[in-house]
Amino acid sequence: MSNWGSALGAMGLLVVLSACTTQEAVPPLQPVPATTAGVPLTGHSLCGDHVMADFKTDDEMYAAVAAAEADDRVRKVYTENKEEAFEHFKVIFQDHPDKLKLGRVEAMPSGLKILPNAGADVRALAGDLRTKYSQAKRVEPFVRPAVVPGASECPPDGEWPAK
C-alpha cells in the first residue's frame, strides 16, 4: 500500500511539473505610456456629473489628459480635438445654414470631459484641475440637477447608452 501512495505522489508531482514546464512563458508587463490620448468623445453622450475643460490647441488638450488620468478621483477622460469639435458643431447646427457658415475648425476649442469616480466631489475636482491646467481657456464642473423634468434617468456610469 505504501508503494501505491509513493507511486501516486510521484505521478502527481510529474503532472504538476509537466504542467509548469509546458505552459508558455508569460510576457512581462509593458510600461504604461506617460501620456495617453484618453477616449474620443465621438459616439458618447454624457449625462452625469463631469468636468469640462477647453484648450486653445489640441496639443495642450492632449498634454492635460495624463494629469487628469493620474488623479485617483477620475474614472474616464474623453477627448475632443478641434476637428471632432467642428464635426459636432456641424451636427448641432445642421438646420441653421447661416450659423454653419460662421464655423471654422481653427475656432473650435479642444476639450476634455472628465468623468469622476463615484463619490468624488466634482466641484473640488474642477478647482484642482483648474490649477493644474493654467493654460486652459475654461475648466468647469457640470453638475446635473437631481431632477430634470421629462428626462430619463442617467445610468450610474454617467453615460447614455450608445445608439
C-alpha atoms as a PDB file:
ATOM      1  CA  MET A   1       0.000   0.000   0.000  1.00  0.00           C
ATOM      2  CA  SER A   2       2.798   2.378   0.735  1.00  0.00           C
ATOM      3  CA  ASN A   3       4.115   1.741  -2.784  1.00  0.00           C
ATOM      4  CA  TRP A   4       0.757   2.883  -4.148  1.00  0.00           C
ATOM      5  CA  GLY A   5       0.966   6.080  -2.098  1.00  0.00           C
ATOM      6  CA  SER A   6       4.507   6.736  -3.288  1.00  0.00           C
ATOM      7  CA  ALA A   7       3.560   5.971  -6.882  1.00  0.00           C
ATOM      8  CA  LEU A   8       0.541   8.285  -6.752  1.00  0.00           C
ATOM      9  CA  GLY A   9       2.615  11.016  -5.119  1.00  0.00           C
ATOM     10  CA  ALA A  10       5.298  10.701  -7.783  1.00  0.00           C
ATOM     11  CA  MET A  11       2.688  10.782 -10.567  1.00  0.00           C
ATOM     12  CA  GLY A  12       1.093  13.872  -9.059  1.00  0.00           C
ATOM     13  CA  LEU A  13       4.463  15.586  -8.901  1.00  0.00           C
ATOM     14  CA  LEU A  14       5.138  14.718 -12.558  1.00  0.00           C
ATOM     15  CA  VAL A  15       1.761  16.109 -13.608  1.00  0.00           C
ATOM     16  CA  VAL A  16       2.423  19.371 -11.751  1.00  0.00           C
ATOM     17  CA  LEU A  17       5.947  19.662 -13.146  1.00  0.00           C
ATOM     18  CA  SER A  18       4.841  18.903 -16.702  1.00  0.00           C
ATOM     19  CA  ALA A  19       2.050  21.470 -16.435  1.00  0.00           C
ATOM     20  CA  CYS A  20       4.549  24.067 -15.243  1.00  0.00           C
ATOM     21  CA  THR A  21       7.086  23.347 -17.946  1.00  0.00           C
ATOM     22  CA  THR A  22       4.693  23.084 -20.909  1.00  0.00           C
ATOM     23  CA  GLN A  23       2.969  26.461 -20.319  1.00  0.00           C
ATOM     24  CA  GLU A  24       4.135  29.341 -22.432  1.00  0.00           C
ATOM     25  CA  ALA A  25       6.131  31.990 -20.669  1.00  0.00           C
ATOM     26  CA  VAL A  26       4.036  34.987 -19.624  1.00  0.00           C
ATOM     27  CA  PRO A  27       5.323  38.147 -21.310  1.00  0.00           C
ATOM     28  CA  PRO A  28       6.480  40.871 -18.935  1.00  0.00           C
ATOM     29  CA  LEU A  29       4.076  43.743 -18.305  1.00  0.00           C
ATOM     30  CA  GLN A  30       4.558  46.569 -20.747  1.00  0.00           C
ATOM     31  CA  PRO A  31       5.145  50.036 -19.308  1.00  0.00           C
ATOM     32  CA  VAL A  32       2.165  52.364 -19.474  1.00  0.00           C
ATOM     33  CA  PRO A  33       2.866  55.442 -21.617  1.00  0.00           C
ATOM     34  CA  ALA A  34       3.382  58.639 -19.633  1.00  0.00           C
ATOM     35  CA  THR A  35       0.689  60.330 -21.696  1.00  0.00           C
ATOM     36  CA  THR A  36      -2.325  58.777 -23.307  1.00  0.00           C
ATOM     37  CA  ALA A  37      -4.936  60.119 -25.633  1.00  0.00           C
ATOM     38  CA  GLY A  38      -7.944  59.392 -23.446  1.00  0.00           C
ATOM     39  CA  VAL A  39     -11.108  58.158 -25.153  1.00  0.00           C
ATOM     40  CA  PRO A  40     -12.536  60.086 -28.129  1.00  0.00           C
ATOM     41  CA  LEU A  41     -15.846  61.719 -27.160  1.00  0.00           C
ATOM     42  CA  THR A  42     -17.399  60.990 -30.566  1.00  0.00           C
ATOM     43  CA  GLY A  43     -20.229  58.488 -30.143  1.00  0.00           C
ATOM     44  CA  HIS A  44     -20.553  59.077 -26.389  1.00  0.00           C
ATOM     45  CA  SER A  45     -23.261  61.101 -24.704  1.00  0.00           C
ATOM     46  CA  LEU A  46     -22.544  62.110 -21.116  1.00  0.00           C
ATOM     47  CA  CYS A  47     -25.400  62.725 -18.736  1.00  0.00           C
ATOM     48  CA  GLY A  48     -23.788  62.507 -15.305  1.00  0.00           C
ATOM     49  CA  ASP A  49     -21.646  64.912 -13.341  1.00  0.00           C
ATOM     50  CA  HIS A  50     -18.330  65.653 -15.028  1.00  0.00           C
ATOM     51  CA  VAL A  51     -15.686  68.315 -15.521  1.00  0.00           C
ATOM     52  CA  MET A  52     -15.369  70.183 -18.823  1.00  0.00           C
ATOM     53  CA  ALA A  53     -12.023  71.667 -19.817  1.00  0.00           C
ATOM     54  CA  ASP A  54     -11.389  73.643 -23.021  1.00  0.00           C
ATOM     55  CA  PHE A  55      -7.987  74.429 -24.522  1.00  0.00           C
ATOM     56  CA  LYS A  56      -6.736  76.606 -27.382  1.00  0.00           C
ATOM     57  CA  THR A  57      -4.804  73.798 -29.067  1.00  0.00           C
ATOM     58  CA  ASP A  58      -5.042  70.048 -29.476  1.00  0.00           C
ATOM     59  CA  ASP A  59      -1.501  69.697 -28.084  1.00  0.00           C
ATOM     60  CA  GLU A  60      -2.468  71.492 -24.847  1.00  0.00           C
ATOM     61  CA  MET A  61      -5.553  69.315 -24.521  1.00  0.00           C
ATOM     62  CA  TYR A  62      -3.684  66.038 -25.089  1.00  0.00           C
ATOM     63  CA  ALA A  63      -0.966  67.095 -22.632  1.00  0.00           C
ATOM     64  CA  ALA A  64      -3.650  67.600 -19.970  1.00  0.00           C
ATOM     65  CA  VAL A  65      -5.028  64.064 -20.390  1.00  0.00           C
ATOM     66  CA  ALA A  66      -2.173  62.463 -18.446  1.00  0.00           C
ATOM     67  CA  ALA A  67      -2.664  64.804 -15.476  1.00  0.00           C
ATOM     68  CA  ALA A  68      -6.379  64.026 -15.383  1.00  0.00           C
ATOM     69  CA  GLU A  69      -5.866  60.263 -15.695  1.00  0.00           C
ATOM     70  CA  ALA A  70      -3.300  60.348 -12.868  1.00  0.00           C
ATOM     71  CA  ASP A  71      -5.888  61.755 -10.449  1.00  0.00           C
ATOM     72  CA  ASP A  72      -7.418  58.936  -8.382  1.00  0.00           C
ATOM     73  CA  ARG A  73     -10.797  60.719  -8.426  1.00  0.00           C
ATOM     74  CA  VAL A  74     -11.009  60.349 -12.221  1.00  0.00           C
ATOM     75  CA  ARG A  75     -12.690  57.333 -13.815  1.00  0.00           C
ATOM     76  CA  LYS A  76     -12.521  58.219 -17.512  1.00  0.00           C
ATOM     77  CA  VAL A  77     -11.257  61.047 -19.694  1.00  0.00           C
ATOM     78  CA  TYR A  78     -12.920  61.830 -23.015  1.00  0.00           C
ATOM     79  CA  THR A  79     -11.190  63.983 -25.618  1.00  0.00           C
ATOM     80  CA  GLU A  80     -12.496  66.105 -28.463  1.00  0.00           C
ATOM     81  CA  ASN A  81      -9.912  67.687 -30.761  1.00  0.00           C
ATOM     82  CA  LYS A  82     -10.666  70.698 -32.957  1.00  0.00           C
ATOM     83  CA  GLU A  83     -11.641  68.597 -35.986  1.00  0.00           C
ATOM     84  CA  GLU A  84     -14.016  66.439 -33.907  1.00  0.00           C
ATOM     85  CA  ALA A  85     -15.482  69.566 -32.275  1.00  0.00           C
ATOM     86  CA  PHE A  86     -16.130  71.041 -35.723  1.00  0.00           C
ATOM     87  CA  GLU A  87     -17.917  67.851 -36.823  1.00  0.00           C
ATOM     88  CA  HIS A  88     -20.039  68.055 -33.646  1.00  0.00           C
ATOM     89  CA  PHE A  89     -20.748  71.754 -34.392  1.00  0.00           C
ATOM     90  CA  LYS A  90     -21.984  70.827 -37.880  1.00  0.00           C
ATOM     91  CA  VAL A  91     -24.394  68.247 -36.461  1.00  0.00           C
ATOM     92  CA  ILE A  92     -25.761  70.653 -33.853  1.00  0.00           C
ATOM     93  CA  PHE A  93     -26.332  73.446 -36.390  1.00  0.00           C
ATOM     94  CA  GLN A  94     -27.305  71.325 -39.400  1.00  0.00           C
ATOM     95  CA  ASP A  95     -30.703  73.057 -39.582  1.00  0.00           C
ATOM     96  CA  HIS A  96     -29.161  76.546 -39.334  1.00  0.00           C
ATOM     97  CA  PRO A  97     -27.115  77.178 -42.514  1.00  0.00           C
ATOM     98  CA  ASP A  98     -26.479  80.803 -41.510  1.00  0.00           C
ATOM     99  CA  LYS A  99     -24.657  79.630 -38.369  1.00  0.00           C
ATOM    100  CA  LEU A 100     -22.874  76.804 -40.192  1.00  0.00           C
ATOM    101  CA  LYS A 101     -21.219  79.395 -42.435  1.00  0.00           C
ATOM    102  CA  LEU A 102     -19.657  81.008 -39.370  1.00  0.00           C
ATOM    103  CA  GLY A 103     -17.966  77.824 -38.125  1.00  0.00           C
ATOM    104  CA  ARG A 104     -14.263  77.082 -38.690  1.00  0.00           C
ATOM    105  CA  VAL A 105     -12.083  74.265 -37.404  1.00  0.00           C
ATOM    106  CA  GLU A 106      -9.495  76.673 -36.005  1.00  0.00           C
ATOM    107  CA  ALA A 107     -12.185  78.480 -33.987  1.00  0.00           C
ATOM    108  CA  MET A 108     -13.268  75.314 -32.183  1.00  0.00           C
ATOM    109  CA  PRO A 109     -11.951  74.511 -28.700  1.00  0.00           C
ATOM    110  CA  SER A 110     -10.076  71.298 -27.957  1.00  0.00           C
ATOM    111  CA  GLY A 111     -11.838  69.780 -24.988  1.00  0.00           C
ATOM    112  CA  LEU A 112     -11.827  67.211 -22.239  1.00  0.00           C
ATOM    113  CA  LYS A 113     -14.833  65.715 -20.498  1.00  0.00           C
ATOM    114  CA  ILE A 114     -13.671  64.122 -17.260  1.00  0.00           C
ATOM    115  CA  LEU A 115     -15.930  61.595 -15.532  1.00  0.00           C
ATOM    116  CA  PRO A 116     -15.225  61.249 -11.818  1.00  0.00           C
ATOM    117  CA  ASN A 117     -15.261  58.086  -9.764  1.00  0.00           C
ATOM    118  CA  ALA A 118     -18.385  57.512  -7.680  1.00  0.00           C
ATOM    119  CA  GLY A 119     -18.487  59.806  -4.674  1.00  0.00           C
ATOM    120  CA  ALA A 120     -15.895  62.276  -5.966  1.00  0.00           C
ATOM    121  CA  ASP A 121     -16.687  65.964  -5.432  1.00  0.00           C
ATOM    122  CA  VAL A 122     -16.973  67.300  -8.998  1.00  0.00           C
ATOM    123  CA  ARG A 123     -16.630  70.943  -7.953  1.00  0.00           C
ATOM    124  CA  ALA A 124     -13.455  70.254  -5.948  1.00  0.00           C
ATOM    125  CA  LEU A 125     -12.051  68.177  -8.816  1.00  0.00           C
ATOM    126  CA  ALA A 126     -12.721  71.044 -11.237  1.00  0.00           C
ATOM    127  CA  GLY A 127     -10.997  73.501  -8.878  1.00  0.00           C
ATOM    128  CA  ASP A 128      -7.910  71.296  -8.570  1.00  0.00           C
ATOM    129  CA  LEU A 129      -7.741  70.688 -12.314  1.00  0.00           C
ATOM    130  CA  ARG A 130      -8.183  74.417 -12.982  1.00  0.00           C
ATOM    131  CA  THR A 131      -4.960  74.960 -11.005  1.00  0.00           C
ATOM    132  CA  LYS A 132      -3.151  72.184 -12.906  1.00  0.00           C
ATOM    133  CA  TYR A 133      -4.424  73.416 -16.289  1.00  0.00           C
ATOM    134  CA  SER A 134      -3.357  77.046 -16.123  1.00  0.00           C
ATOM    135  CA  GLN A 135      -3.284  77.125 -19.941  1.00  0.00           C
ATOM    136  CA  ALA A 136      -6.950  76.063 -20.182  1.00  0.00           C
ATOM    137  CA  LYS A 137      -9.487  78.538 -21.513  1.00  0.00           C
ATOM    138  CA  ARG A 138     -12.096  77.047 -19.191  1.00  0.00           C
ATOM    139  CA  VAL A 139     -12.361  74.323 -16.536  1.00  0.00           C
ATOM    140  CA  GLU A 140     -15.880  73.987 -15.148  1.00  0.00           C
ATOM    141  CA  PRO A 141     -17.876  71.368 -13.270  1.00  0.00           C
ATOM    142  CA  PHE A 142     -21.072  70.103 -14.854  1.00  0.00           C
ATOM    143  CA  VAL A 143     -23.359  69.021 -12.052  1.00  0.00           C
ATOM    144  CA  ARG A 144     -26.586  67.532 -13.278  1.00  0.00           C
ATOM    145  CA  PRO A 145     -29.624  68.635 -11.298  1.00  0.00           C
ATOM    146  CA  ALA A 146     -31.128  65.851  -9.212  1.00  0.00           C
ATOM    147  CA  VAL A 147     -34.418  66.186 -11.059  1.00  0.00           C
ATOM    148  CA  VAL A 148     -34.689  67.150 -14.707  1.00  0.00           C
ATOM    149  CA  PRO A 149     -38.357  67.345 -15.755  1.00  0.00           C
ATOM    150  CA  GLY A 150     -39.110  64.839 -18.500  1.00  0.00           C
ATOM    151  CA  ALA A 151     -35.581  63.440 -18.686  1.00  0.00           C
ATOM    152  CA  SER A 152     -34.967  59.740 -18.351  1.00  0.00           C
ATOM    153  CA  GLU A 153     -32.708  58.622 -15.542  1.00  0.00           C
ATOM    154  CA  CYS A 154     -28.974  58.874 -16.195  1.00  0.00           C
ATOM    155  CA  PRO A 155     -27.253  55.480 -15.840  1.00  0.00           C
ATOM    156  CA  PRO A 156     -24.836  55.089 -12.900  1.00  0.00           C
ATOM    157  CA  ASP A 157     -21.800  55.273 -15.212  1.00  0.00           C
ATOM    158  CA  GLY A 158     -22.835  58.811 -16.283  1.00  0.00           C
ATOM    159  CA  GLU A 159     -23.340  57.959 -19.967  1.00  0.00           C
ATOM    160  CA  TRP A 160     -26.386  57.394 -22.125  1.00  0.00           C
ATOM    161  CA  PRO A 161     -26.227  54.067 -23.965  1.00  0.00           C
ATOM    162  CA  ALA A 162     -24.810  54.288 -27.494  1.00  0.00           C
ATOM    163  CA  LYS A 163     -27.419  54.329 -30.220  1.00  0.00           C
END
